[in-house]
Amino acid sequence: MEVKVQTTKSPDFKQVYAIGAIGGHSPYDFRIAFYNDSPKSMQEDGKNVTIMERRIDTEIILSPLAAKELANWLSEHIKDYEKLFGEIKRPGASLQPNSDPVRASDPAAIQGYM
């Protein structure tokens, strides 16, 4: 039996650009929240202070199987992208040769729910 899939977009469909993601997992599901950062200047004790405002726009909840399928899909597309455009490099990776720059510089990289 042949099955055809017809894809349509919900009336509520929206695209969200994100610079990062945080999240975690339980025995039942994986959660990924996508965010954008914006610097905000403030006065604190008479000094100018810059605070990074992290706004979470969307959270996706996936079953373990769907999360694994997403990981495989992303891995294949990243390989294809790098074949065409070259290696994707993390900013600051050359500055910290023996550490993971994303984990070292991102205190919001968490395990567990927000």
N, C-alpha and C. Protein backbone atom coordinates (compact mmCIF):
# COMPACT_ATOMS: atom_id res chain seq x y z
N MET A 1 0.85 -1.18 0.00
CA MET A 1 0.00 0.00 0.00
C MET A 1 0.89 1.25 0.00
N GLU A 2 0.60 2.15 -0.89
CA GLU A 2 1.34 3.40 -0.99
C GLU A 2 0.66 4.46 -0.14
N VAL A 3 1.46 5.19 0.64
CA VAL A 3 0.95 6.27 1.47
C VAL A 3 1.59 7.57 0.99
N LYS A 4 0.76 8.54 0.70
CA LYS A 4 1.24 9.86 0.32
C LYS A 4 1.02 10.81 1.49
N VAL A 5 1.95 11.71 1.68
CA VAL A 5 1.85 12.69 2.77
C VAL A 5 1.63 14.06 2.16
N GLN A 6 0.61 14.73 2.65
CA GLN A 6 0.33 16.09 2.22
C GLN A 6 0.68 17.02 3.39
N THR A 7 1.58 17.94 3.17
CA THR A 7 2.02 18.86 4.22
C THR A 7 1.34 20.20 4.03
N THR A 8 0.72 20.69 5.11
CA THR A 8 0.11 22.02 5.11
C THR A 8 0.60 22.77 6.34
N LYS A 9 0.53 24.08 6.29
CA LYS A 9 0.91 24.91 7.43
C LYS A 9 -0.34 25.36 8.17
N SER A 10 -0.28 25.28 9.50
CA SER A 10 -1.36 25.73 10.35
C SER A 10 -1.60 27.23 10.14
N PRO A 11 -2.82 27.72 10.36
CA PRO A 11 -3.04 29.17 10.31
C PRO A 11 -2.21 29.92 11.34
N ASP A 12 -1.78 29.22 12.41
CA ASP A 12 -0.95 29.85 13.44
C ASP A 12 0.54 29.69 13.18
N PHE A 13 0.93 29.12 12.03
CA PHE A 13 2.34 28.88 11.72
C PHE A 13 3.12 30.19 11.79
N LYS A 14 4.32 30.10 12.38
CA LYS A 14 5.24 31.24 12.35
C LYS A 14 6.66 30.70 12.35
N GLN A 15 7.55 31.44 11.75
CA GLN A 15 8.96 31.10 11.77
C GLN A 15 9.62 31.90 12.88
N VAL A 16 10.54 31.26 13.58
CA VAL A 16 11.26 31.90 14.68
C VAL A 16 12.75 31.73 14.43
N TYR A 17 13.48 32.83 14.41
CA TYR A 17 14.94 32.76 14.32
C TYR A 17 15.47 32.70 15.74
N ALA A 18 16.40 31.80 15.99
CA ALA A 18 16.97 31.66 17.33
C ALA A 18 18.48 31.61 17.24
N ILE A 19 19.15 32.21 18.23
CA ILE A 19 20.60 32.12 18.27
C ILE A 19 21.08 30.98 19.16
N GLY A 20 20.17 30.38 19.90
CA GLY A 20 20.57 29.29 20.78
C GLY A 20 19.39 28.52 21.30
N ALA A 21 19.72 27.44 22.03
CA ALA A 21 18.69 26.59 22.60
C ALA A 21 19.16 26.07 23.95
N ILE A 22 18.21 25.88 24.84
CA ILE A 22 18.47 25.25 26.14
C ILE A 22 17.38 24.22 26.36
N GLY A 23 17.61 23.33 27.27
CA GLY A 23 16.56 22.36 27.55
C GLY A 23 17.09 21.16 28.30
N GLY A 24 16.37 20.09 28.22
CA GLY A 24 16.76 18.89 28.93
C GLY A 24 15.81 17.76 28.60
N HIS A 25 15.85 16.75 29.45
CA HIS A 25 15.03 15.58 29.19
C HIS A 25 14.58 14.92 30.48
N SER A 26 13.55 14.14 30.37
CA SER A 26 13.05 13.29 31.45
C SER A 26 12.96 11.89 30.85
N PRO A 27 12.53 10.91 31.61
CA PRO A 27 12.35 9.59 30.99
C PRO A 27 11.28 9.60 29.89
N TYR A 28 10.44 10.63 29.86
CA TYR A 28 9.28 10.64 28.97
C TYR A 28 9.42 11.52 27.75
N ASP A 29 10.21 12.61 27.84
CA ASP A 29 10.29 13.51 26.71
C ASP A 29 11.57 14.35 26.76
N PHE A 30 11.83 15.01 25.62
CA PHE A 30 12.92 15.97 25.48
C PHE A 30 12.28 17.32 25.26
N ARG A 31 12.86 18.36 25.88
CA ARG A 31 12.35 19.72 25.71
C ARG A 31 13.49 20.61 25.24
N ILE A 32 13.19 21.39 24.22
CA ILE A 32 14.17 22.33 23.67
C ILE A 32 13.50 23.69 23.59
N ALA A 33 14.06 24.67 24.28
CA ALA A 33 13.55 26.04 24.22
C ALA A 33 14.53 26.87 23.40
N PHE A 34 14.01 27.60 22.43
CA PHE A 34 14.84 28.41 21.55
C PHE A 34 14.78 29.87 22.01
N TYR A 35 15.95 30.53 22.00
CA TYR A 35 16.02 31.89 22.54
C TYR A 35 16.83 32.83 21.66
N ASN A 36 16.67 34.12 21.96
CA ASN A 36 17.48 35.20 21.40
C ASN A 36 17.98 36.06 22.55
N ASP A 37 19.18 36.59 22.41
CA ASP A 37 19.77 37.46 23.43
C ASP A 37 19.82 38.89 22.92
N SER A 38 19.55 39.85 23.82
CA SER A 38 19.65 41.27 23.50
C SER A 38 20.34 41.98 24.65
N PRO A 39 21.42 42.73 24.38
CA PRO A 39 22.07 43.48 25.46
C PRO A 39 21.22 44.67 25.88
N LYS A 40 21.14 44.90 27.19
CA LYS A 40 20.41 46.04 27.75
C LYS A 40 21.36 46.80 28.67
N SER A 41 21.43 48.11 28.51
CA SER A 41 22.26 48.94 29.39
C SER A 41 21.43 49.44 30.55
N MET A 42 22.01 49.40 31.76
CA MET A 42 21.32 49.86 32.96
C MET A 42 22.29 50.61 33.85
N GLN A 43 21.74 51.38 34.75
CA GLN A 43 22.51 52.04 35.79
C GLN A 43 22.38 51.21 37.06
N GLU A 44 23.50 50.80 37.64
CA GLU A 44 23.47 50.04 38.89
C GLU A 44 24.58 50.58 39.79
N ASP A 45 24.20 51.11 40.93
CA ASP A 45 25.14 51.74 41.86
C ASP A 45 25.96 52.82 41.17
N GLY A 46 25.30 53.60 40.31
CA GLY A 46 25.97 54.71 39.63
C GLY A 46 26.88 54.28 38.49
N LYS A 47 26.90 53.01 38.15
CA LYS A 47 27.75 52.51 37.07
C LYS A 47 26.87 52.00 35.93
N ASN A 48 27.38 52.16 34.72
CA ASN A 48 26.71 51.57 33.57
C ASN A 48 26.99 50.07 33.55
N VAL A 49 25.93 49.28 33.50
CA VAL A 49 26.05 47.83 33.49
C VAL A 49 25.29 47.32 32.28
N THR A 50 25.88 46.36 31.58
CA THR A 50 25.19 45.72 30.47
C THR A 50 24.67 44.37 30.94
N ILE A 51 23.38 44.17 30.74
CA ILE A 51 22.74 42.91 31.10
C ILE A 51 22.25 42.27 29.81
N MET A 52 22.50 40.98 29.68
CA MET A 52 22.02 40.27 28.50
C MET A 52 20.63 39.72 28.80
N GLU A 53 19.65 40.21 28.07
CA GLU A 53 18.28 39.72 28.23
C GLU A 53 18.09 38.54 27.29
N ARG A 54 17.74 37.39 27.85
CA ARG A 54 17.51 36.17 27.06
C ARG A 54 16.02 35.95 26.97
N ARG A 55 15.49 36.05 25.75
CA ARG A 55 14.05 35.88 25.54
C ARG A 55 13.80 34.53 24.88
N ILE A 56 13.00 33.72 25.53
CA ILE A 56 12.64 32.41 24.98
C ILE A 56 11.38 32.60 24.16
N ASP A 57 11.47 32.24 22.88
CA ASP A 57 10.35 32.43 21.97
C ASP A 57 9.50 31.18 21.81
N THR A 58 10.13 30.01 21.87
CA THR A 58 9.42 28.78 21.56
C THR A 58 10.03 27.63 22.33
N GLU A 59 9.19 26.70 22.79
CA GLU A 59 9.67 25.46 23.37
C GLU A 59 9.03 24.31 22.61
N ILE A 60 9.85 23.33 22.25
CA ILE A 60 9.39 22.14 21.55
C ILE A 60 9.52 20.96 22.50
N ILE A 61 8.49 20.13 22.58
CA ILE A 61 8.51 18.92 23.41
C ILE A 61 8.44 17.73 22.46
N LEU A 62 9.43 16.83 22.56
CA LEU A 62 9.53 15.69 21.66
C LEU A 62 9.56 14.39 22.43
N SER A 63 9.00 13.35 21.85
CA SER A 63 9.16 12.01 22.41
C SER A 63 10.63 11.61 22.24
N PRO A 64 11.12 10.63 23.01
CA PRO A 64 12.51 10.19 22.82
C PRO A 64 12.79 9.76 21.37
N LEU A 65 11.86 9.06 20.74
CA LEU A 65 12.06 8.64 19.35
C LEU A 65 12.13 9.84 18.41
N ALA A 66 11.23 10.80 18.59
CA ALA A 66 11.24 11.99 17.74
C ALA A 66 12.53 12.78 17.96
N ALA A 67 13.02 12.85 19.20
CA ALA A 67 14.28 13.55 19.48
C ALA A 67 15.45 12.88 18.76
N LYS A 68 15.47 11.55 18.79
CA LYS A 68 16.54 10.81 18.11
C LYS A 68 16.47 11.02 16.60
N GLU A 69 15.27 11.00 16.05
CA GLU A 69 15.10 11.24 14.62
C GLU A 69 15.54 12.65 14.25
N LEU A 70 15.21 13.63 15.09
CA LEU A 70 15.65 15.01 14.86
C LEU A 70 17.17 15.09 14.89
N ALA A 71 17.79 14.44 15.87
CA ALA A 71 19.26 14.45 15.96
C ALA A 71 19.89 13.86 14.70
N ASN A 72 19.35 12.76 14.22
CA ASN A 72 19.87 12.14 12.99
C ASN A 72 19.67 13.05 11.79
N TRP A 73 18.48 13.67 11.69
CA TRP A 73 18.19 14.57 10.59
C TRP A 73 19.15 15.76 10.59
N LEU A 74 19.34 16.36 11.77
CA LEU A 74 20.27 17.50 11.88
C LEU A 74 21.69 17.08 11.52
N SER A 75 22.13 15.94 12.01
CA SER A 75 23.48 15.46 11.72
C SER A 75 23.71 15.31 10.22
N GLU A 76 22.76 14.70 9.52
CA GLU A 76 22.89 14.54 8.08
C GLU A 76 22.90 15.88 7.35
N HIS A 77 22.05 16.81 7.76
CA HIS A 77 22.00 18.11 7.10
C HIS A 77 23.24 18.94 7.40
N ILE A 78 23.79 18.81 8.59
CA ILE A 78 25.04 19.51 8.91
C ILE A 78 26.18 18.97 8.06
N LYS A 79 26.24 17.65 7.89
CA LYS A 79 27.27 17.05 7.02
C LYS A 79 27.15 17.59 5.59
N ASP A 80 25.93 17.63 5.07
CA ASP A 80 25.70 18.15 3.72
C ASP A 80 26.12 19.62 3.62
N TYR A 81 25.74 20.41 4.62
CA TYR A 81 26.08 21.84 4.64
C TYR A 81 27.60 22.02 4.62
N GLU A 82 28.31 21.26 5.48
CA GLU A 82 29.76 21.41 5.58
C GLU A 82 30.47 20.92 4.31
N LYS A 83 29.91 19.97 3.60
CA LYS A 83 30.48 19.56 2.31
C LYS A 83 30.44 20.71 1.32
N LEU A 84 29.34 21.47 1.35
CA LEU A 84 29.17 22.58 0.42
C LEU A 84 29.91 23.84 0.84
N PHE A 85 29.87 24.17 2.14
CA PHE A 85 30.33 25.48 2.59
C PHE A 85 31.53 25.44 3.53
N GLY A 86 31.99 24.27 3.93
CA GLY A 86 33.11 24.17 4.86
C GLY A 86 32.64 23.97 6.29
N GLU A 87 33.60 23.67 7.14
CA GLU A 87 33.30 23.35 8.54
C GLU A 87 32.64 24.52 9.27
N ILE A 88 31.63 24.19 10.05
CA ILE A 88 30.98 25.17 10.92
C ILE A 88 31.82 25.23 12.18
N LYS A 89 32.33 26.41 12.51
CA LYS A 89 33.20 26.55 13.67
C LYS A 89 32.50 27.34 14.76
N ARG A 90 32.69 26.90 16.00
CA ARG A 90 32.13 27.62 17.14
C ARG A 90 32.96 28.86 17.41
N PRO A 91 32.31 30.00 17.67
CA PRO A 91 33.07 31.21 18.02
C PRO A 91 33.90 30.97 19.28
N GLY A 92 35.15 31.40 19.26
CA GLY A 92 36.01 31.26 20.43
C GLY A 92 36.62 29.88 20.59
N ALA A 93 36.37 28.97 19.68
CA ALA A 93 36.90 27.61 19.81
C ALA A 93 38.42 27.60 19.83
N SER A 94 39.04 28.48 19.06
CA SER A 94 40.50 28.49 19.03
C SER A 94 41.10 29.13 20.28
N LEU A 95 40.29 29.83 21.06
CA LEU A 95 40.78 30.48 22.28
C LEU A 95 40.89 29.51 23.45
N GLN A 96 40.09 28.44 23.44
CA GLN A 96 40.07 27.49 24.54
C GLN A 96 40.27 26.08 23.98
N PRO A 97 41.52 25.69 23.68
CA PRO A 97 41.74 24.44 22.97
C PRO A 97 41.34 23.18 23.73
N ASN A 98 41.32 23.19 25.06
CA ASN A 98 41.04 21.97 25.82
C ASN A 98 39.68 21.96 26.49
N SER A 99 38.78 22.83 26.07
CA SER A 99 37.46 22.84 26.70
C SER A 99 36.39 23.02 25.64
N ASP A 100 35.18 22.70 25.99
CA ASP A 100 34.04 22.89 25.12
C ASP A 100 33.60 24.34 25.27
N PRO A 101 33.82 25.20 24.26
CA PRO A 101 33.52 26.63 24.42
C PRO A 101 32.06 26.92 24.67
N VAL A 102 31.15 26.11 24.17
CA VAL A 102 29.73 26.37 24.42
C VAL A 102 29.42 26.13 25.89
N ARG A 103 29.85 25.02 26.45
CA ARG A 103 29.60 24.72 27.86
C ARG A 103 30.36 25.69 28.76
N ALA A 104 31.59 26.03 28.38
CA ALA A 104 32.41 26.90 29.24
C ALA A 104 31.86 28.31 29.31
N SER A 105 31.27 28.79 28.22
CA SER A 105 30.83 30.19 28.20
C SER A 105 29.34 30.36 28.39
N ASP A 106 28.58 29.28 28.46
CA ASP A 106 27.12 29.40 28.52
C ASP A 106 26.58 28.79 29.80
N PRO A 107 26.40 29.61 30.85
CA PRO A 107 25.88 29.07 32.09
C PRO A 107 24.45 28.57 31.97
N ALA A 108 23.77 28.92 30.87
CA ALA A 108 22.38 28.48 30.71
C ALA A 108 22.26 27.11 30.07
N ALA A 109 23.39 26.50 29.68
CA ALA A 109 23.31 25.15 29.12
C ALA A 109 23.00 24.21 30.28
N ILE A 110 21.75 23.79 30.36
CA ILE A 110 21.29 23.06 31.53
C ILE A 110 20.82 21.68 31.18
N GLN A 111 20.79 20.81 32.17
CA GLN A 111 20.13 19.52 32.06
C GLN A 111 18.88 19.63 32.92
N GLY A 112 17.76 19.21 32.40
CA GLY A 112 16.52 19.31 33.15
C GLY A 112 15.65 20.41 32.63
N TYR A 113 14.49 20.51 33.18
CA TYR A 113 13.55 21.51 32.70
C TYR A 113 13.82 22.87 33.32
N MET A 114 13.32 23.90 32.60
CA MET A 114 13.48 25.27 33.08
C MET A 114 12.50 25.53 34.18
